Amino acid sequence: MNPSRYGAHRTLRAVNFVCNAPQARAVSLVGDFNQWNATANPMKRMPDGAWFLTLELRHGHHRYAFLVDGHLTLDPRAQGITRNDAGERVSLVPVS
């Protein structure tokens, strides 16, 4: 049995993302976990106009943002703000 197989770095944890953008036509979640790919994680519009997505992420800190109709948007509920590799301000979520 390989003990490292069950270490924290291998554990995935479900993280809920909510973006309040009722006027938006399309919202997706972009971040380090999907190479900032705009089409990898589209969010689902909820009846109240908010957009929702649950994503399983590995232990650690992840940089991310919402792409609202093509515009990079910070998450007001984020645990912190940092910069991506392009120097843009993005949100930060810790996963433990």
C-alpha atoms as a PDB file:
ATOM      1  CA  MET A   1       0.000   0.000   0.000  1.00  0.00           C
ATOM      2  CA  ASN A   2       1.387   3.392  -0.971  1.00  0.00           C
ATOM      3  CA  PRO A   3       0.768   5.886   1.886  1.00  0.00           C
ATOM      4  CA  SER A   4       1.480   8.937  -0.302  1.00  0.00           C
ATOM      5  CA  ARG A   5      -1.501   7.910  -2.419  1.00  0.00           C
ATOM      6  CA  TYR A   6      -3.781   9.130   0.372  1.00  0.00           C
ATOM      7  CA  GLY A   7      -1.872  12.294   1.268  1.00  0.00           C
ATOM      8  CA  ALA A   8      -3.482  15.751   1.327  1.00  0.00           C
ATOM      9  CA  HIS A   9      -1.957  16.650  -2.039  1.00  0.00           C
ATOM     10  CA  ARG A  10      -4.039  13.909  -3.698  1.00  0.00           C
ATOM     11  CA  THR A  11      -7.321  14.734  -1.964  1.00  0.00           C
ATOM     12  CA  LEU A  12      -9.969  16.548  -3.969  1.00  0.00           C
ATOM     13  CA  ARG A  13     -12.468  18.775  -2.224  1.00  0.00           C
ATOM     14  CA  ALA A  14     -15.715  20.124  -3.663  1.00  0.00           C
ATOM     15  CA  VAL A  15     -15.703  23.931  -3.770  1.00  0.00           C
ATOM     16  CA  ASN A  16     -18.833  25.937  -4.624  1.00  0.00           C
ATOM     17  CA  PHE A  17     -18.421  29.071  -6.725  1.00  0.00           C
ATOM     18  CA  VAL A  18     -21.217  31.646  -7.017  1.00  0.00           C
ATOM     19  CA  CYS A  19     -21.128  34.692  -9.280  1.00  0.00           C
ATOM     20  CA  ASN A  20     -23.870  37.295  -8.904  1.00  0.00           C
ATOM     21  CA  ALA A  21     -24.267  38.579 -12.470  1.00  0.00           C
ATOM     22  CA  PRO A  22     -27.978  38.460 -13.362  1.00  0.00           C
ATOM     23  CA  GLN A  23     -27.525  40.523 -16.558  1.00  0.00           C
ATOM     24  CA  ALA A  24     -24.736  38.286 -17.919  1.00  0.00           C
ATOM     25  CA  ARG A  25     -25.256  36.144 -20.988  1.00  0.00           C
ATOM     26  CA  ALA A  26     -22.389  33.765 -20.162  1.00  0.00           C
ATOM     27  CA  VAL A  27     -20.185  33.185 -17.118  1.00  0.00           C
ATOM     28  CA  SER A  28     -17.340  30.727 -16.749  1.00  0.00           C
ATOM     29  CA  LEU A  29     -14.822  29.949 -14.037  1.00  0.00           C
ATOM     30  CA  VAL A  30     -11.176  30.345 -15.045  1.00  0.00           C
ATOM     31  CA  GLY A  31      -8.071  29.719 -12.991  1.00  0.00           C
ATOM     32  CA  ASP A  32      -4.822  27.890 -12.455  1.00  0.00           C
ATOM     33  CA  PHE A  33      -6.781  24.610 -12.239  1.00  0.00           C
ATOM     34  CA  ASN A  34      -7.949  24.860 -15.894  1.00  0.00           C
ATOM     35  CA  GLN A  35      -5.083  26.893 -17.429  1.00  0.00           C
ATOM     36  CA  TRP A  36      -7.393  29.964 -17.562  1.00  0.00           C
ATOM     37  CA  ASN A  37      -9.426  28.235 -20.281  1.00  0.00           C
ATOM     38  CA  ALA A  38     -12.677  30.160 -20.850  1.00  0.00           C
ATOM     39  CA  THR A  39     -14.544  27.098 -22.113  1.00  0.00           C
ATOM     40  CA  ALA A  40     -13.398  24.522 -19.528  1.00  0.00           C
ATOM     41  CA  ASN A  41     -15.816  25.366 -16.697  1.00  0.00           C
ATOM     42  CA  PRO A  42     -18.996  27.147 -17.807  1.00  0.00           C
ATOM     43  CA  MET A  43     -21.240  28.151 -14.915  1.00  0.00           C
ATOM     44  CA  LYS A  44     -24.974  27.451 -14.696  1.00  0.00           C
ATOM     45  CA  ARG A  45     -27.495  30.265 -14.334  1.00  0.00           C
ATOM     46  CA  MET A  46     -29.732  29.776 -11.308  1.00  0.00           C
ATOM     47  CA  PRO A  47     -33.381  30.983 -11.108  1.00  0.00           C
ATOM     48  CA  ASP A  48     -32.331  34.024  -9.009  1.00  0.00           C
ATOM     49  CA  GLY A  49     -29.891  35.182 -11.719  1.00  0.00           C
ATOM     50  CA  ALA A  50     -26.728  34.077  -9.914  1.00  0.00           C
ATOM     51  CA  TRP A  51     -24.335  31.681 -11.648  1.00  0.00           C
ATOM     52  CA  PHE A  52     -23.203  28.496  -9.885  1.00  0.00           C
ATOM     53  CA  LEU A  53     -20.557  25.804 -10.284  1.00  0.00           C
ATOM     54  CA  THR A  54     -19.123  23.122  -8.020  1.00  0.00           C
ATOM     55  CA  LEU A  55     -15.569  22.091  -8.838  1.00  0.00           C
ATOM     56  CA  GLU A  56     -13.297  19.551  -7.174  1.00  0.00           C
ATOM     57  CA  LEU A  57      -9.923  21.107  -6.380  1.00  0.00           C
ATOM     58  CA  ARG A  58      -6.723  19.765  -4.866  1.00  0.00           C
ATOM     59  CA  HIS A  59      -5.303  20.922  -1.540  1.00  0.00           C
ATOM     60  CA  GLY A  60      -3.532  24.285  -1.777  1.00  0.00           C
ATOM     61  CA  HIS A  61      -4.188  27.859  -2.898  1.00  0.00           C
ATOM     62  CA  HIS A  62      -5.792  28.420  -6.282  1.00  0.00           C
ATOM     63  CA  ARG A  63      -5.932  31.633  -8.314  1.00  0.00           C
ATOM     64  CA  TYR A  64      -9.210  32.146 -10.182  1.00  0.00           C
ATOM     65  CA  ALA A  65     -11.723  34.641 -11.549  1.00  0.00           C
ATOM     66  CA  PHE A  66     -15.117  34.721 -13.182  1.00  0.00           C
ATOM     67  CA  LEU A  67     -15.222  35.450 -16.892  1.00  0.00           C
ATOM     68  CA  VAL A  68     -18.452  37.440 -17.229  1.00  0.00           C
ATOM     69  CA  ASP A  69     -19.346  38.036 -20.888  1.00  0.00           C
ATOM     70  CA  GLY A  70     -15.626  37.967 -21.669  1.00  0.00           C
ATOM     71  CA  HIS A  71     -14.542  40.277 -18.817  1.00  0.00           C
ATOM     72  CA  LEU A  72     -12.303  39.010 -16.000  1.00  0.00           C
ATOM     73  CA  THR A  73     -14.190  39.657 -12.745  1.00  0.00           C
ATOM     74  CA  LEU A  74     -13.046  39.271  -9.127  1.00  0.00           C
ATOM     75  CA  ASP A  75     -15.080  37.206  -6.658  1.00  0.00           C
ATOM     76  CA  PRO A  76     -16.251  39.493  -3.807  1.00  0.00           C
ATOM     77  CA  ARG A  77     -16.534  36.394  -1.582  1.00  0.00           C
ATOM     78  CA  ALA A  78     -12.916  35.318  -2.219  1.00  0.00           C
ATOM     79  CA  GLN A  79     -10.489  34.640   0.633  1.00  0.00           C
ATOM     80  CA  GLY A  80      -7.942  36.956  -0.956  1.00  0.00           C
ATOM     81  CA  ILE A  81      -6.746  38.787  -4.038  1.00  0.00           C
ATOM     82  CA  THR A  82      -3.509  38.123  -5.907  1.00  0.00           C
ATOM     83  CA  ARG A  83      -2.237  38.439  -9.481  1.00  0.00           C
ATOM     84  CA  ASN A  84      -2.161  35.920 -12.310  1.00  0.00           C
ATOM     85  CA  ASP A  85       0.848  35.366 -14.582  1.00  0.00           C
ATOM     86  CA  ALA A  86      -0.343  38.236 -16.803  1.00  0.00           C
ATOM     87  CA  GLY A  87      -0.334  40.625 -13.825  1.00  0.00           C
ATOM     88  CA  GLU A  88      -4.139  40.896 -13.651  1.00  0.00           C
ATOM     89  CA  ARG A  89      -5.856  41.030 -10.265  1.00  0.00           C
ATOM     90  CA  VAL A  90      -7.560  37.701  -9.559  1.00  0.00           C
ATOM     91  CA  SER A  91      -9.226  35.981  -6.602  1.00  0.00           C
ATOM     92  CA  LEU A  92      -7.656  33.398  -4.318  1.00  0.00           C
ATOM     93  CA  VAL A  93      -9.270  30.335  -2.723  1.00  0.00           C
ATOM     94  CA  PRO A  94      -7.566  28.084  -0.163  1.00  0.00           C
ATOM     95  CA  VAL A  95      -8.514  24.400  -0.217  1.00  0.00           C
ATOM     96  CA  SER A  96      -7.680  22.148   2.718  1.00  0.00           C
END
